[in-house]
């Protein structure tokens, strides 16, 4: 509400009190704007992975809540100021129409560019994600993994055939196994070396080794994985795919030598296995991104929406503050002019040098009233 124009005999310290009151009213807005901008900047840095804080779902919701607090605070402050302006307009206070026009101008100037940027950013993000997950990209990703898997499967089929053939040869020499274990070990050595195996061994159902072939491999033969021997008990070969090492294995039950299994090891190209692991990891990450596409869009859109709201609300609040600063001296001039029109020459407009040209106008008005009086 505008202060009543003081008379010449009225002390001017009441205007200082009014200024202090307006500053106290403006302080929450300044704090809200600063806090909202800082919170939005921190949220953006976290969501794009520029900080040590991981952008998890809980973190995202916490950031949403923090931004919402400042946004709601700004909305409450603006609602309070808008209510004050509307009441002034209803009561027909001087310069109330100018007040509304200045606030509307600030709001439009800030809102239109901010909304356009937000819309363009959202469309750009959506188009960018469409390119990430288009059919051609999916085909490239899946083909890369298929090529690596095909290499492993081809080596697995070769090892399976080699192990079956070797098992037949060993079964055919069951008599040698019963009569001459050393001679059978020599046969096992020749079979392993001749078939290009890194290791070969006969094992018990519990996985313990009965005999190992002597080869040129520079690493120790690993123990069979848990459960692999039990799976091979049905008579079908069990393949052990390479995981962290470039080692592929196979286990098959011997038909003629009771209670024993043939366990073979072959090396595969380590570069291919390494590349396969990288491709598989990237493929899993790509599929995870595809499954969480909407979540990613929301996570990226949140900073845009938050910053847009903060910019618009801050501009509206700033527009109200600037309008108050401009309209206040004009309203005082109009009030003082109305007093003069009624014949009261004992009025003076309080002048502040910070009002600029309007302050000069106030000085001129006061001098005019003194001359008239």
Protein backbone atom coordinates (compact mmCIF):
# COMPACT_ATOMS: atom_id res chain seq x y z
CA UNK A 1 0.00 0.00 0.00
CA UNK A 2 1.30 3.45 -0.88
CA UNK A 3 2.23 5.75 1.99
CA UNK A 4 0.13 8.90 2.40
CA UNK A 5 1.87 11.96 0.96
CA UNK A 6 3.38 13.87 3.92
CA UNK A 7 2.78 17.54 4.59
CA UNK A 8 5.59 20.03 4.86
CA UNK A 9 5.38 19.84 8.63
CA UNK A 10 5.40 16.01 8.64
CA UNK A 11 8.78 14.37 9.47
CA UNK A 12 10.29 12.38 6.66
CA UNK A 13 11.74 9.52 8.79
CA UNK A 14 8.50 7.60 8.18
CA UNK A 15 9.61 7.16 4.58
CA UNK A 16 12.84 5.59 5.78
CA UNK A 17 10.73 3.15 7.78
CA UNK A 18 8.76 2.33 4.65
CA UNK A 19 11.98 1.69 2.73
CA UNK A 20 13.21 -0.60 5.48
CA UNK A 21 9.92 -2.48 5.41
CA UNK A 22 10.07 -2.97 1.65
CA UNK A 23 13.66 -4.20 1.93
CA UNK A 24 12.60 -6.76 4.52
CA UNK A 25 9.79 -7.88 2.22
CA UNK A 26 12.23 -8.14 -0.69
CA UNK A 27 14.82 -10.17 1.25
CA UNK A 28 12.92 -13.51 1.07
CA UNK A 29 12.63 -13.12 -2.69
CA UNK A 30 16.37 -12.54 -3.09
CA UNK A 31 17.11 -15.57 -0.90
CA UNK A 32 14.61 -17.71 -2.82
CA UNK A 33 16.02 -16.74 -6.22
CA UNK A 34 19.63 -17.30 -5.16
CA UNK A 35 18.80 -20.61 -3.51
CA UNK A 36 16.74 -21.78 -6.50
CA UNK A 37 19.50 -20.96 -8.99
CA UNK A 38 22.18 -22.64 -6.86
CA UNK A 39 20.01 -25.73 -6.30
CA UNK A 40 19.20 -26.00 -10.01
CA UNK A 41 22.90 -25.72 -10.93
CA UNK A 42 23.85 -28.41 -8.42
CA UNK A 43 21.03 -30.65 -9.69
CA UNK A 44 22.22 -30.26 -13.27
CA UNK A 45 25.82 -31.10 -12.32
CA UNK A 46 24.73 -34.23 -10.43
CA UNK A 47 22.33 -35.49 -13.11
CA UNK A 48 24.91 -35.18 -15.90
CA UNK A 49 27.48 -37.07 -13.80
CA UNK A 50 29.86 -34.15 -13.23
CA UNK A 51 30.09 -34.80 -9.48
CA UNK A 52 31.11 -37.78 -7.32
CA UNK A 53 27.45 -38.17 -6.31
CA UNK A 54 25.80 -40.93 -8.38
CA UNK A 55 22.49 -39.85 -10.03
CA UNK A 56 20.45 -42.70 -8.56
CA UNK A 57 16.67 -42.74 -8.29
CA UNK A 58 16.78 -41.63 -4.65
CA UNK A 59 19.18 -38.81 -5.50
CA UNK A 60 16.95 -37.69 -8.38
CA UNK A 61 13.86 -37.55 -6.17
CA UNK A 62 15.81 -35.66 -3.50
CA UNK A 63 16.85 -33.10 -6.11
CA UNK A 64 13.26 -32.84 -7.33
CA UNK A 65 12.11 -32.14 -3.77
CA UNK A 66 14.83 -29.53 -3.19
CA UNK A 67 14.00 -27.68 -6.41
CA UNK A 68 10.27 -27.93 -5.69
CA UNK A 69 10.73 -26.25 -2.29
CA UNK A 70 12.34 -23.15 -3.83
CA UNK A 71 9.88 -23.08 -6.74
CA UNK A 72 6.90 -23.26 -4.38
CA UNK A 73 8.47 -20.58 -2.18
CA UNK A 74 8.86 -18.29 -5.19
CA UNK A 75 5.27 -18.99 -6.25
CA UNK A 76 4.07 -18.07 -2.74
CA UNK A 77 6.03 -14.81 -2.79
CA UNK A 78 4.72 -13.92 -6.24
CA UNK A 79 1.15 -14.79 -5.21
CA UNK A 80 1.49 -12.42 -2.25
CA UNK A 81 2.74 -9.59 -4.47
CA UNK A 82 0.11 -10.24 -7.16
CA UNK A 83 -2.62 -10.13 -4.52
CA UNK A 84 -1.28 -6.76 -3.35
CA UNK A 85 -1.28 -5.41 -6.93
CA UNK A 86 -4.81 -6.72 -7.61
CA UNK A 87 -6.14 -5.13 -4.44
CA UNK A 88 -4.51 -1.83 -5.39
CA UNK A 89 -6.13 -2.02 -8.81
CA UNK A 90 -9.54 -2.78 -7.32
CA UNK A 91 -9.27 0.13 -4.93
CA UNK A 92 -8.40 2.44 -7.81
CA UNK A 93 -5.00 3.46 -6.50
CA UNK A 94 -2.95 5.77 -8.65
CA UNK A 95 -0.69 4.19 -11.31
CA UNK A 96 -2.08 0.72 -10.60
CA UNK A 97 -2.60 0.08 -14.33
CA UNK A 98 1.02 1.06 -15.05
CA UNK A 99 2.08 -1.29 -12.28
CA UNK A 100 0.26 -4.23 -13.89
CA UNK A 101 1.65 -3.43 -17.33
CA UNK A 102 5.26 -3.34 -16.13
CA UNK A 103 4.90 -6.66 -14.30
CA UNK A 104 3.25 -8.27 -17.34
CA UNK A 105 6.00 -6.97 -19.62
CA UNK A 106 8.75 -8.46 -17.43
CA UNK A 107 6.90 -11.77 -17.22
CA UNK A 108 6.42 -12.04 -20.99
CA UNK A 109 9.99 -10.99 -21.80
CA UNK A 110 11.33 -13.70 -19.50
CA UNK A 111 8.74 -16.41 -20.14
CA UNK A 112 8.70 -16.51 -23.93
CA UNK A 113 12.45 -17.14 -24.47
CA UNK A 114 12.65 -19.55 -21.53
CA UNK A 115 9.68 -21.60 -22.74
CA UNK A 116 11.04 -21.68 -26.31
CA UNK A 117 14.45 -22.87 -25.10
CA UNK A 118 12.81 -25.56 -22.94
CA UNK A 119 10.68 -26.79 -25.86
CA UNK A 120 13.62 -26.86 -28.28
CA UNK A 121 15.80 -28.63 -25.69
CA UNK A 122 13.12 -31.27 -25.08
CA UNK A 123 12.64 -31.88 -28.80
CA UNK A 124 16.41 -32.07 -29.35
CA UNK A 125 16.76 -34.56 -26.49
CA UNK A 126 13.96 -36.73 -27.87
CA UNK A 127 15.46 -36.70 -31.38
CA UNK A 128 18.89 -37.52 -29.96
CA UNK A 129 17.52 -40.50 -28.03
CA UNK A 130 15.67 -41.68 -31.15
CA UNK A 131 18.99 -41.81 -32.98
CA UNK A 132 20.57 -43.77 -30.14
CA UNK A 133 17.87 -46.42 -30.26
CA UNK A 134 17.05 -46.54 -33.96
CA UNK A 135 17.04 -49.86 -35.85
CA UNK A 136 20.45 -49.31 -37.46
CA UNK A 137 22.15 -48.70 -34.12
CA UNK A 138 20.47 -51.75 -32.58
CA UNK A 139 21.62 -53.85 -35.52
CA UNK A 140 25.23 -52.70 -35.13
CA UNK A 141 25.23 -53.42 -31.40
CA UNK A 142 23.60 -56.83 -31.75
CA UNK A 143 25.80 -57.78 -34.72
CA UNK A 144 28.97 -56.99 -32.79
CA UNK A 145 27.93 -59.32 -29.99
CA UNK A 146 26.77 -61.98 -32.47
CA UNK A 147 30.15 -62.01 -34.23
CA UNK A 148 32.00 -62.50 -30.94
CA UNK A 149 29.56 -65.20 -29.82
CA UNK A 150 29.86 -66.94 -33.18
CA UNK A 151 33.62 -67.20 -32.75
CA UNK A 152 33.23 -68.72 -29.29
CA UNK A 153 30.52 -71.12 -30.45
CA UNK A 154 32.62 -72.26 -33.42
CA UNK A 155 35.54 -73.02 -31.11
CA UNK A 156 33.16 -74.77 -28.73
CA UNK A 157 31.84 -77.01 -31.53
CA UNK A 158 35.40 -77.84 -32.60
CA UNK A 159 36.40 -78.67 -29.04
CA UNK A 160 33.27 -80.76 -28.59
CA UNK A 161 34.05 -82.79 -31.73
CA UNK A 162 37.68 -83.17 -30.69
CA UNK A 163 36.71 -84.33 -27.19
CA UNK A 164 34.16 -86.84 -28.52
CA UNK A 165 36.68 -88.27 -30.98
CA UNK A 166 39.35 -88.50 -28.29
CA UNK A 167 36.88 -90.16 -25.90
CA UNK A 168 36.14 -92.84 -28.53
CA UNK A 169 39.87 -93.51 -28.93
CA UNK A 170 40.36 -93.76 -25.17
CA UNK A 171 37.34 -96.04 -24.80
CA UNK A 172 38.80 -98.26 -27.49
CA UNK A 173 41.95 -98.59 -25.36
CA UNK A 174 40.15 -99.63 -22.18
CA UNK A 175 42.22 -102.87 -22.03
CA UNK A 176 45.43 -100.79 -22.07
CA UNK A 177 44.07 -98.70 -19.21
CA UNK A 178 43.46 -101.82 -17.14
CA UNK A 179 46.82 -103.45 -17.85
CA UNK A 180 49.34 -100.63 -18.40
CA UNK A 181 48.59 -97.23 -16.91
CA UNK A 182 51.91 -95.81 -18.13
CA UNK A 183 51.16 -96.88 -21.67
CA UNK A 184 47.67 -95.37 -21.39
CA UNK A 185 49.23 -92.11 -20.16
CA UNK A 186 51.49 -92.06 -23.22
CA UNK A 187 48.41 -92.53 -25.39
CA UNK A 188 46.71 -89.67 -23.55
CA UNK A 189 49.77 -87.47 -24.16
CA UNK A 190 49.82 -88.24 -27.88
CA UNK A 191 46.08 -87.64 -28.22
CA UNK A 192 46.30 -84.30 -26.43
CA UNK A 193 49.32 -83.04 -28.39
CA UNK A 194 48.09 -84.38 -31.72
CA UNK A 195 44.70 -82.70 -31.33
CA UNK A 196 46.22 -79.35 -30.30
CA UNK A 197 44.83 -79.35 -26.77
CA UNK A 198 46.36 -77.24 -24.05
CA UNK A 199 45.46 -79.83 -21.41
CA UNK A 200 43.70 -83.20 -21.18
CA UNK A 201 43.00 -85.36 -18.15
CA UNK A 202 40.91 -88.17 -16.77
CA UNK A 203 38.91 -87.16 -13.72
CA UNK A 204 36.70 -88.85 -11.14
CA UNK A 205 33.04 -87.98 -10.57
CA UNK A 206 34.10 -85.72 -7.69
CA UNK A 207 36.37 -83.69 -10.02
CA UNK A 208 39.67 -85.01 -8.74
CA UNK A 209 42.35 -85.83 -11.34
CA UNK A 210 43.29 -89.44 -12.14
CA UNK A 211 45.94 -88.67 -14.72
CA UNK A 212 46.99 -85.61 -16.72
CA UNK A 213 48.51 -85.40 -20.18
CA UNK A 214 51.88 -83.74 -20.48
CA UNK A 215 51.64 -80.79 -22.87
CA UNK A 216 53.54 -77.59 -23.64
CA UNK A 217 50.95 -75.37 -21.91
CA UNK A 218 52.53 -72.72 -19.69
CA UNK A 219 49.69 -72.66 -17.17
CA UNK A 220 48.32 -75.19 -14.71
CA UNK A 221 45.21 -77.10 -15.63
CA UNK A 222 42.24 -75.57 -13.77
CA UNK A 223 39.87 -77.74 -11.82
CA UNK A 224 36.51 -78.43 -13.45
CA UNK A 225 33.70 -76.06 -12.44
CA UNK A 226 31.34 -77.19 -9.72
CA UNK A 227 28.45 -79.18 -11.10
CA UNK A 228 29.96 -79.66 -14.56
CA UNK A 229 30.83 -83.32 -13.92
CA UNK A 230 27.35 -84.04 -12.57
CA UNK A 231 25.86 -82.54 -15.73
CA UNK A 232 28.11 -84.70 -17.91
CA UNK A 233 26.98 -87.86 -16.09
CA UNK A 234 24.06 -88.16 -18.53
CA UNK A 235 26.52 -88.92 -21.31
CA UNK A 236 26.32 -85.63 -23.21
CA UNK A 237 29.42 -83.41 -23.45
CA UNK A 238 29.48 -80.35 -21.24
CA UNK A 239 31.14 -77.22 -22.63
CA UNK A 240 32.85 -74.69 -20.36
CA UNK A 241 32.79 -71.29 -22.07
CA UNK A 242 35.56 -68.75 -21.52
CA UNK A 243 34.68 -66.00 -19.07
CA UNK A 244 37.53 -64.02 -17.57
CA UNK A 245 40.27 -66.12 -19.24
CA UNK A 246 40.80 -67.35 -22.80
CA UNK A 247 40.30 -70.97 -21.74
CA UNK A 248 37.58 -73.23 -23.10
CA UNK A 249 36.90 -76.67 -21.67
CA UNK A 250 34.83 -79.77 -22.29
CA UNK A 251 33.87 -82.74 -20.12
CA UNK A 252 32.45 -86.05 -21.37
CA UNK A 253 31.80 -89.34 -19.65
CA UNK A 254 33.77 -92.32 -20.93
CA UNK A 255 31.52 -95.21 -21.89
CA UNK A 256 33.94 -98.11 -21.60
CA UNK A 257 36.09 -97.00 -18.67
CA UNK A 258 33.74 -97.07 -15.72
CA UNK A 259 33.46 -94.00 -13.50
CA UNK A 260 35.89 -91.76 -15.40
CA UNK A 261 35.43 -88.58 -17.41
CA UNK A 262 37.58 -86.96 -20.08
CA UNK A 263 38.34 -83.31 -19.33
CA UNK A 264 39.95 -81.23 -22.12
CA UNK A 265 41.18 -77.64 -22.32
CA UNK A 266 41.86 -75.52 -25.41
CA UNK A 267 43.04 -71.93 -25.70
CA UNK A 268 41.17 -69.38 -27.78
CA UNK A 269 42.33 -66.00 -29.05
CA UNK A 270 42.58 -63.72 -25.96
CA UNK A 271 41.94 -60.58 -28.02
CA UNK A 272 38.62 -61.98 -29.21
CA UNK A 273 37.60 -62.93 -25.69
CA UNK A 274 38.55 -59.50 -24.40
CA UNK A 275 36.66 -57.85 -27.23
CA UNK A 276 33.67 -60.11 -26.52
CA UNK A 277 33.62 -59.08 -22.89
CA UNK A 278 33.77 -55.40 -23.84
CA UNK A 279 31.03 -55.79 -26.45
CA UNK A 280 28.84 -57.76 -24.03
CA UNK A 281 29.28 -55.12 -21.33
CA UNK A 282 28.46 -52.31 -23.78
CA UNK A 283 25.48 -54.25 -25.11
CA UNK A 284 24.09 -54.79 -21.62
CA UNK A 285 24.55 -51.10 -20.87
CA UNK A 286 22.86 -50.15 -24.16
CA UNK A 287 19.89 -52.42 -23.44
CA UNK A 288 19.64 -51.03 -19.93
CA UNK A 289 19.57 -47.50 -21.35
CA UNK A 290 16.89 -48.58 -23.83
CA UNK A 291 14.77 -50.08 -21.05
CA UNK A 292 15.16 -46.90 -18.96
CA UNK A 293 14.74 -44.46 -21.84
CA UNK A 294 11.77 -42.67 -20.27
CA UNK A 295 13.60 -42.40 -16.95
CA UNK A 296 16.60 -40.89 -18.74
CA UNK A 297 14.35 -38.39 -20.50
CA UNK A 298 12.82 -37.34 -17.20
CA UNK A 299 16.27 -37.07 -15.59
CA UNK A 300 17.56 -34.84 -18.39
CA UNK A 301 14.32 -32.84 -18.66
CA UNK A 302 14.25 -32.09 -14.94
CA UNK A 303 17.05 -29.47 -15.05
CA UNK A 304 15.43 -27.82 -18.10
CA UNK A 305 12.04 -27.64 -16.38
CA UNK A 306 13.51 -26.50 -13.09
CA UNK A 307 15.66 -23.78 -14.64
CA UNK A 308 12.77 -22.62 -16.84
CA UNK A 309 10.43 -22.27 -13.87
CA UNK A 310 13.09 -20.53 -11.82
CA UNK A 311 13.90 -18.08 -14.62
CA UNK A 312 10.23 -17.27 -15.21
CA UNK A 313 9.37 -16.92 -11.53
CA UNK A 314 12.51 -14.92 -10.82
CA UNK A 315 11.73 -12.57 -13.71
CA UNK A 316 8.16 -12.10 -12.49
CA UNK A 317 9.33 -11.37 -8.95
CA UNK A 318 12.04 -9.02 -10.25
CA UNK A 319 9.46 -7.33 -12.46
CA UNK A 320 7.23 -6.76 -9.45
CA UNK A 321 10.15 -5.30 -7.48
CA UNK A 322 11.20 -3.02 -10.36
CA UNK A 323 7.60 -1.98 -10.95
CA UNK A 324 7.26 -1.09 -7.27
CA UNK A 325 10.40 1.02 -7.50
CA UNK A 326 9.13 2.84 -10.60
CA UNK A 327 5.48 3.21 -9.59
CA UNK A 328 6.05 4.32 -5.97
CA UNK A 329 7.35 7.85 -6.74
CA UNK A 330 4.83 8.26 -9.56
CA UNK A 331 2.03 7.25 -7.20
CA UNK A 332 3.30 9.76 -4.64
CA UNK A 333 3.36 12.49 -7.26
CA UNK A 334 -0.19 11.69 -8.30
CA UNK A 335 -1.34 11.68 -4.68
CA UNK A 336 0.37 14.99 -3.99
CA UNK A 337 -1.13 16.49 -7.18
CA UNK A 338 -4.59 15.38 -6.03
CA UNK A 339 -3.99 17.16 -2.71
CA UNK A 340 -2.97 20.34 -4.51
CA UNK A 341 -6.08 20.07 -6.67
CA UNK A 342 -8.19 20.22 -3.52
CA UNK A 343 -6.37 23.39 -2.43
CA UNK A 344 -3.91 21.85 0.00
CA UNK A 345 -0.51 23.43 -0.63
CA UNK A 346 1.08 21.98 2.51
CA UNK A 347 2.28 18.84 0.76
CA UNK A 348 5.69 17.66 -0.39
CA UNK A 349 6.83 14.61 -2.28
CA UNK A 350 9.60 12.66 -0.51
CA UNK A 351 12.63 12.57 -2.80
CA UNK A 352 15.33 9.89 -2.97
CA UNK A 353 18.36 10.41 -5.17
CA UNK A 354 18.26 6.71 -6.07
CA UNK A 355 15.00 7.37 -7.94
CA UNK A 356 16.96 9.08 -10.74
CA UNK A 357 14.94 11.21 -13.13
CA UNK A 358 11.81 10.72 -11.06
CA UNK A 359 13.68 12.28 -8.13
CA UNK A 360 14.33 15.38 -10.27
CA UNK A 361 10.65 15.45 -11.09
CA UNK A 362 9.85 15.31 -7.36
CA UNK A 363 12.23 18.19 -6.65
CA UNK A 364 10.62 20.25 -9.41
CA UNK A 365 7.15 19.46 -8.04
CA UNK A 366 8.13 20.46 -4.51
CA UNK A 367 9.68 23.73 -5.75
CA UNK A 368 6.54 24.44 -7.75
CA UNK A 369 4.33 23.94 -4.68
CA UNK A 370 6.58 26.23 -2.63
CA UNK A 371 6.34 28.92 -5.31
CA UNK A 372 2.58 28.53 -5.50
CA UNK A 373 2.30 28.74 -1.74
